[in-house]
Amino acid sequence: MTNSTPDELITTGQALARVADDMKGEAIRLLDLRGRCAYTDAMLFVSGSSDRQVRAIADRISAKASELGLVMVGQEGSESGNWVLLDHGDVVIHVFYRPARMYYDLETLWADAPEIELGFESLQPQF
């Protein structure tokens, strides 16, 4: 599925995660799905504390992905700000409003996937 090397995939995922962190995204996780998923090699999960923040994080990540040369395969949910899905082929990004992330709990589908080190400490939600 991938056109990138393992190192490029990690570097790209980390760059997108850092954008989310710069936008005060919370509970950022980058999972390595190579060999576990037919449609992507990595999945990035980010939470926002409001619908406005979710949309802002998604917009900034999308701009960075474009800057890195990633083609947008698809995008869903940007109108609501509850859950924005950005499909960039090798990396799929889920930006959730906190309660939606807890409700859908997508990460449990990939519980056996290794987590890619971000290179920074992600903010954890303050409830």
N, C-alpha and C. Protein backbone atom coordinates (compact mmCIF):
# COMPACT_ATOMS: atom_id res chain seq x y z
N MET A 1 0.82 -1.20 0.00
CA MET A 1 0.00 0.00 0.00
C MET A 1 0.85 1.25 0.00
N THR A 2 2.02 1.16 0.59
CA THR A 2 2.78 2.37 0.84
C THR A 2 3.74 2.72 -0.29
N ASN A 3 3.94 4.00 -0.47
CA ASN A 3 4.95 4.50 -1.39
C ASN A 3 6.14 5.03 -0.61
N SER A 4 6.05 5.03 0.71
CA SER A 4 7.10 5.58 1.53
C SER A 4 7.87 4.47 2.23
N THR A 5 9.10 4.79 2.61
CA THR A 5 9.90 3.85 3.37
C THR A 5 9.42 3.88 4.82
N PRO A 6 9.80 2.86 5.61
CA PRO A 6 9.40 2.89 7.03
C PRO A 6 9.85 4.16 7.75
N ASP A 7 11.07 4.61 7.47
CA ASP A 7 11.57 5.83 8.12
C ASP A 7 10.77 7.06 7.68
N GLU A 8 10.43 7.14 6.40
CA GLU A 8 9.64 8.27 5.91
C GLU A 8 8.25 8.27 6.54
N LEU A 9 7.66 7.09 6.69
CA LEU A 9 6.34 6.98 7.30
C LEU A 9 6.38 7.50 8.74
N ILE A 10 7.38 7.09 9.48
CA ILE A 10 7.51 7.53 10.88
C ILE A 10 7.74 9.03 10.94
N THR A 11 8.64 9.54 10.12
CA THR A 11 8.93 10.97 10.11
C THR A 11 7.70 11.79 9.73
N THR A 12 6.95 11.32 8.73
CA THR A 12 5.73 12.01 8.31
C THR A 12 4.69 12.00 9.42
N GLY A 13 4.46 10.84 10.00
CA GLY A 13 3.50 10.73 11.10
C GLY A 13 3.86 11.62 12.27
N GLN A 14 5.15 11.64 12.61
CA GLN A 14 5.60 12.48 13.71
C GLN A 14 5.41 13.97 13.39
N ALA A 15 5.66 14.36 12.15
CA ALA A 15 5.48 15.76 11.75
C ALA A 15 4.01 16.17 11.87
N LEU A 16 3.11 15.29 11.45
CA LEU A 16 1.67 15.59 11.56
C LEU A 16 1.24 15.62 13.02
N ALA A 17 1.79 14.73 13.83
CA ALA A 17 1.47 14.71 15.26
C ALA A 17 1.95 16.00 15.93
N ARG A 18 3.12 16.48 15.53
CA ARG A 18 3.65 17.71 16.12
C ARG A 18 2.75 18.90 15.80
N VAL A 19 2.18 18.93 14.61
CA VAL A 19 1.23 20.00 14.26
C VAL A 19 0.04 19.96 15.21
N ALA A 20 -0.48 18.75 15.46
CA ALA A 20 -1.59 18.60 16.41
C ALA A 20 -1.19 19.09 17.79
N ASP A 21 0.02 18.77 18.21
CA ASP A 21 0.51 19.21 19.51
C ASP A 21 0.64 20.73 19.56
N ASP A 22 1.15 21.32 18.50
CA ASP A 22 1.27 22.78 18.43
C ASP A 22 -0.08 23.47 18.55
N MET A 23 -1.14 22.78 18.12
CA MET A 23 -2.50 23.31 18.18
C MET A 23 -3.20 22.92 19.50
N LYS A 24 -2.42 22.41 20.45
CA LYS A 24 -2.93 22.01 21.77
C LYS A 24 -3.85 20.79 21.69
N GLY A 25 -3.63 19.93 20.68
CA GLY A 25 -4.35 18.67 20.62
C GLY A 25 -3.98 17.81 21.82
N GLU A 26 -4.87 16.94 22.20
CA GLU A 26 -4.69 16.12 23.41
C GLU A 26 -4.65 14.64 23.06
N ALA A 27 -4.00 13.88 23.94
CA ALA A 27 -3.96 12.42 23.86
C ALA A 27 -3.58 11.95 22.45
N ILE A 28 -2.53 12.52 21.92
CA ILE A 28 -2.08 12.22 20.56
C ILE A 28 -1.40 10.85 20.55
N ARG A 29 -1.85 10.02 19.63
CA ARG A 29 -1.27 8.68 19.47
C ARG A 29 -1.08 8.39 18.00
N LEU A 30 0.07 7.81 17.66
CA LEU A 30 0.39 7.42 16.30
C LEU A 30 0.65 5.92 16.30
N LEU A 31 -0.19 5.18 15.57
CA LEU A 31 -0.08 3.73 15.55
C LEU A 31 0.49 3.24 14.23
N ASP A 32 1.36 2.26 14.31
CA ASP A 32 1.97 1.63 13.14
C ASP A 32 1.09 0.46 12.73
N LEU A 33 0.42 0.59 11.58
CA LEU A 33 -0.52 -0.44 11.13
C LEU A 33 0.01 -1.24 9.95
N ARG A 34 1.30 -1.08 9.62
CA ARG A 34 1.86 -1.84 8.50
C ARG A 34 1.68 -3.33 8.76
N GLY A 35 1.10 -4.01 7.76
CA GLY A 35 0.85 -5.44 7.89
C GLY A 35 -0.40 -5.79 8.68
N ARG A 36 -1.08 -4.80 9.24
CA ARG A 36 -2.29 -5.04 10.03
C ARG A 36 -3.54 -4.47 9.38
N CYS A 37 -3.36 -3.60 8.42
CA CYS A 37 -4.48 -2.88 7.82
C CYS A 37 -4.24 -2.77 6.32
N ALA A 38 -5.27 -3.04 5.54
CA ALA A 38 -5.13 -3.04 4.08
C ALA A 38 -5.15 -1.64 3.47
N TYR A 39 -5.69 -0.65 4.16
CA TYR A 39 -5.88 0.65 3.53
C TYR A 39 -4.96 1.76 4.02
N THR A 40 -4.16 1.52 5.03
CA THR A 40 -3.22 2.55 5.50
C THR A 40 -2.08 1.89 6.27
N ASP A 41 -1.01 2.65 6.45
CA ASP A 41 0.14 2.14 7.18
C ASP A 41 0.26 2.74 8.58
N ALA A 42 -0.35 3.89 8.79
CA ALA A 42 -0.29 4.53 10.10
C ALA A 42 -1.60 5.26 10.36
N MET A 43 -1.95 5.35 11.63
CA MET A 43 -3.16 6.05 12.02
C MET A 43 -2.81 6.98 13.18
N LEU A 44 -3.22 8.24 13.02
CA LEU A 44 -2.97 9.26 14.02
C LEU A 44 -4.30 9.61 14.68
N PHE A 45 -4.32 9.59 16.01
CA PHE A 45 -5.50 9.94 16.80
C PHE A 45 -5.20 11.19 17.62
N VAL A 46 -6.13 12.14 17.59
CA VAL A 46 -5.97 13.40 18.32
C VAL A 46 -7.33 13.79 18.89
N SER A 47 -7.33 14.37 20.09
CA SER A 47 -8.55 14.91 20.67
C SER A 47 -8.46 16.42 20.75
N GLY A 48 -9.62 17.06 20.63
CA GLY A 48 -9.75 18.49 20.84
C GLY A 48 -10.81 18.75 21.89
N SER A 49 -10.74 19.91 22.53
CA SER A 49 -11.66 20.20 23.62
C SER A 49 -12.93 20.92 23.17
N SER A 50 -13.03 21.23 21.87
CA SER A 50 -14.23 21.87 21.34
C SER A 50 -14.33 21.57 19.85
N ASP A 51 -15.53 21.77 19.29
CA ASP A 51 -15.68 21.53 17.85
C ASP A 51 -14.82 22.50 17.04
N ARG A 52 -14.68 23.71 17.51
CA ARG A 52 -13.84 24.70 16.83
C ARG A 52 -12.38 24.26 16.83
N GLN A 53 -11.90 23.76 17.96
CA GLN A 53 -10.52 23.30 18.02
C GLN A 53 -10.31 22.08 17.13
N VAL A 54 -11.27 21.16 17.11
CA VAL A 54 -11.17 19.98 16.25
C VAL A 54 -11.00 20.40 14.80
N ARG A 55 -11.83 21.31 14.34
CA ARG A 55 -11.73 21.77 12.95
C ARG A 55 -10.40 22.47 12.69
N ALA A 56 -9.94 23.27 13.64
CA ALA A 56 -8.67 23.99 13.47
C ALA A 56 -7.50 23.02 13.40
N ILE A 57 -7.49 22.02 14.26
CA ILE A 57 -6.43 21.01 14.24
C ILE A 57 -6.44 20.27 12.90
N ALA A 58 -7.63 19.86 12.47
CA ALA A 58 -7.75 19.13 11.20
C ALA A 58 -7.28 19.98 10.03
N ASP A 59 -7.65 21.25 10.01
CA ASP A 59 -7.23 22.14 8.94
C ASP A 59 -5.71 22.29 8.90
N ARG A 60 -5.11 22.47 10.06
CA ARG A 60 -3.66 22.66 10.13
C ARG A 60 -2.92 21.37 9.75
N ILE A 61 -3.44 20.21 10.20
CA ILE A 61 -2.81 18.94 9.82
C ILE A 61 -2.92 18.73 8.31
N SER A 62 -4.06 19.04 7.76
CA SER A 62 -4.27 18.89 6.32
C SER A 62 -3.30 19.77 5.53
N ALA A 63 -3.10 20.99 5.98
CA ALA A 63 -2.16 21.90 5.32
C ALA A 63 -0.74 21.35 5.39
N LYS A 64 -0.36 20.81 6.55
CA LYS A 64 0.98 20.24 6.71
C LYS A 64 1.14 19.01 5.83
N ALA A 65 0.12 18.18 5.76
CA ALA A 65 0.18 16.97 4.92
C ALA A 65 0.38 17.37 3.46
N SER A 66 -0.31 18.38 3.03
CA SER A 66 -0.17 18.88 1.66
C SER A 66 1.25 19.41 1.44
N GLU A 67 1.76 20.14 2.41
CA GLU A 67 3.13 20.67 2.35
C GLU A 67 4.15 19.53 2.23
N LEU A 68 3.86 18.40 2.89
CA LEU A 68 4.75 17.24 2.85
C LEU A 68 4.57 16.40 1.59
N GLY A 69 3.63 16.80 0.74
CA GLY A 69 3.42 16.08 -0.51
C GLY A 69 2.43 14.94 -0.44
N LEU A 70 1.69 14.83 0.66
CA LEU A 70 0.68 13.78 0.79
C LEU A 70 -0.59 14.19 0.05
N VAL A 71 -1.09 13.29 -0.74
CA VAL A 71 -2.32 13.55 -1.49
C VAL A 71 -3.52 13.27 -0.60
N MET A 72 -4.51 14.15 -0.64
CA MET A 72 -5.75 13.94 0.11
C MET A 72 -6.60 12.92 -0.64
N VAL A 73 -6.83 11.77 -0.02
CA VAL A 73 -7.67 10.74 -0.62
C VAL A 73 -9.13 11.00 -0.28
N GLY A 74 -9.37 11.47 0.94
CA GLY A 74 -10.74 11.77 1.36
C GLY A 74 -10.75 12.52 2.67
N GLN A 75 -11.88 13.20 2.91
CA GLN A 75 -12.07 13.95 4.15
C GLN A 75 -13.54 13.89 4.50
N GLU A 76 -13.82 13.66 5.76
CA GLU A 76 -15.20 13.58 6.25
C GLU A 76 -15.32 14.31 7.57
N GLY A 77 -16.48 14.89 7.85
CA GLY A 77 -16.82 15.39 9.16
C GLY A 77 -16.41 16.80 9.50
N SER A 78 -15.80 17.51 8.57
CA SER A 78 -15.30 18.84 8.92
C SER A 78 -16.42 19.84 9.21
N GLU A 79 -17.64 19.56 8.75
CA GLU A 79 -18.76 20.47 9.02
C GLU A 79 -19.14 20.46 10.50
N SER A 80 -19.16 19.29 11.10
CA SER A 80 -19.66 19.17 12.47
C SER A 80 -18.60 19.47 13.52
N GLY A 81 -17.37 19.09 13.27
CA GLY A 81 -16.33 19.28 14.26
C GLY A 81 -16.37 18.27 15.38
N ASN A 82 -17.21 17.26 15.26
CA ASN A 82 -17.31 16.21 16.25
C ASN A 82 -16.23 15.15 16.02
N TRP A 83 -15.99 14.85 14.75
CA TRP A 83 -15.00 13.85 14.35
C TRP A 83 -14.61 14.16 12.91
N VAL A 84 -13.37 14.52 12.69
CA VAL A 84 -12.88 14.80 11.34
C VAL A 84 -11.92 13.69 10.96
N LEU A 85 -12.18 13.09 9.81
CA LEU A 85 -11.33 12.04 9.26
C LEU A 85 -10.59 12.61 8.06
N LEU A 86 -9.27 12.51 8.09
CA LEU A 86 -8.43 12.94 6.97
C LEU A 86 -7.69 11.71 6.46
N ASP A 87 -7.97 11.31 5.24
CA ASP A 87 -7.33 10.14 4.64
C ASP A 87 -6.26 10.62 3.67
N HIS A 88 -5.02 10.38 4.04
CA HIS A 88 -3.89 10.74 3.18
C HIS A 88 -3.17 9.48 2.71
N GLY A 89 -3.92 8.39 2.56
CA GLY A 89 -3.34 7.16 2.04
C GLY A 89 -2.48 6.45 3.06
N ASP A 90 -1.20 6.77 3.07
CA ASP A 90 -0.28 6.11 4.00
C ASP A 90 -0.57 6.44 5.46
N VAL A 91 -1.18 7.61 5.70
CA VAL A 91 -1.52 8.03 7.06
C VAL A 91 -2.98 8.49 7.08
N VAL A 92 -3.74 7.91 7.98
CA VAL A 92 -5.13 8.32 8.20
C VAL A 92 -5.18 9.02 9.55
N ILE A 93 -5.80 10.18 9.58
CA ILE A 93 -5.85 10.99 10.80
C ILE A 93 -7.29 11.10 11.28
N HIS A 94 -7.49 10.85 12.57
CA HIS A 94 -8.79 11.03 13.22
C HIS A 94 -8.63 12.14 14.25
N VAL A 95 -9.37 13.22 14.07
CA VAL A 95 -9.37 14.31 15.05
C VAL A 95 -10.77 14.32 15.66
N PHE A 96 -10.82 14.03 16.95
CA PHE A 96 -12.09 13.87 17.65
C PHE A 96 -12.32 14.98 18.67
N TYR A 97 -13.58 15.33 18.83
CA TYR A 97 -14.00 16.05 20.02
C TYR A 97 -13.93 15.01 21.14
N ARG A 98 -13.38 15.36 22.30
CA ARG A 98 -13.12 14.38 23.37
C ARG A 98 -14.23 13.36 23.60
N PRO A 99 -15.50 13.80 23.82
CA PRO A 99 -16.55 12.80 24.09
C PRO A 99 -16.76 11.82 22.93
N ALA A 100 -16.60 12.29 21.70
CA ALA A 100 -16.78 11.39 20.55
C ALA A 100 -15.67 10.35 20.51
N ARG A 101 -14.47 10.74 20.84
CA ARG A 101 -13.36 9.77 20.85
C ARG A 101 -13.62 8.69 21.89
N MET A 102 -14.09 9.09 23.04
CA MET A 102 -14.38 8.10 24.09
C MET A 102 -15.54 7.20 23.66
N TYR A 103 -16.55 7.76 23.02
CA TYR A 103 -17.71 6.99 22.60
C TYR A 103 -17.35 5.96 21.53
N TYR A 104 -16.66 6.37 20.49
CA TYR A 104 -16.33 5.46 19.39
C TYR A 104 -15.17 4.53 19.71
N ASP A 105 -14.23 4.97 20.52
CA ASP A 105 -13.12 4.14 21.01
C ASP A 105 -12.46 3.32 19.90
N LEU A 106 -12.18 3.96 18.78
CA LEU A 106 -11.58 3.27 17.62
C LEU A 106 -10.24 2.63 17.92
N GLU A 107 -9.50 3.21 18.81
CA GLU A 107 -8.16 2.70 19.09
C GLU A 107 -8.16 1.26 19.57
N THR A 108 -9.25 0.82 20.18
CA THR A 108 -9.29 -0.57 20.63
C THR A 108 -9.30 -1.55 19.47
N LEU A 109 -9.71 -1.09 18.28
CA LEU A 109 -9.65 -1.96 17.10
C LEU A 109 -8.21 -2.30 16.74
N TRP A 110 -7.29 -1.45 17.14
CA TRP A 110 -5.88 -1.61 16.81
C TRP A 110 -5.05 -1.80 18.08
N ALA A 111 -5.61 -2.46 19.08
CA ALA A 111 -4.94 -2.61 20.37
C ALA A 111 -3.60 -3.34 20.27
N ASP A 112 -3.45 -4.19 19.27
CA ASP A 112 -2.21 -4.94 19.12
C ASP A 112 -1.17 -4.21 18.28
N ALA A 113 -1.50 -3.05 17.75
CA ALA A 113 -0.58 -2.30 16.90
C ALA A 113 0.46 -1.57 17.74
N PRO A 114 1.70 -1.58 17.30
CA PRO A 114 2.72 -0.82 18.05
C PRO A 114 2.49 0.69 17.90
N GLU A 115 2.80 1.39 18.96
CA GLU A 115 2.69 2.84 18.95
C GLU A 115 4.03 3.44 18.53
N ILE A 116 3.98 4.40 17.63
CA ILE A 116 5.19 5.07 17.17
C ILE A 116 5.50 6.21 18.14
N GLU A 117 6.74 6.26 18.58
CA GLU A 117 7.19 7.31 19.49
C GLU A 117 7.04 8.67 18.82
N LEU A 118 6.43 9.61 19.52
CA LEU A 118 6.18 10.94 18.95
C LEU A 118 7.38 11.87 19.04
N GLY A 119 8.20 11.68 20.05
CA GLY A 119 9.33 12.59 20.25
C GLY A 119 8.98 13.77 21.13
N PHE A 120 7.77 13.76 21.70
CA PHE A 120 7.33 14.80 22.63
C PHE A 120 6.24 14.20 23.51
N GLU A 121 5.96 14.86 24.61
CA GLU A 121 4.89 14.42 25.51
C GLU A 121 3.58 15.08 25.08
N SER A 122 2.59 14.27 24.80
CA SER A 122 1.27 14.78 24.40
C SER A 122 0.49 15.24 25.62
N LEU A 123 -0.25 16.35 25.45
CA LEU A 123 -1.14 16.80 26.51
C LEU A 123 -2.20 15.75 26.77
N GLN A 124 -2.55 15.57 28.02
CA GLN A 124 -3.63 14.67 28.38
C GLN A 124 -4.84 15.51 28.77
N PRO A 125 -6.04 15.03 28.44
CA PRO A 125 -7.25 15.82 28.71
C PRO A 125 -7.41 16.13 30.20
N GLN A 126 -7.89 17.34 30.46
CA GLN A 126 -8.22 17.76 31.82
C GLN A 126 -9.74 17.74 31.96
N PHE A 127 -10.26 16.74 32.62
CA PHE A 127 -11.73 16.63 32.76
C PHE A 127 -12.21 17.34 33.97
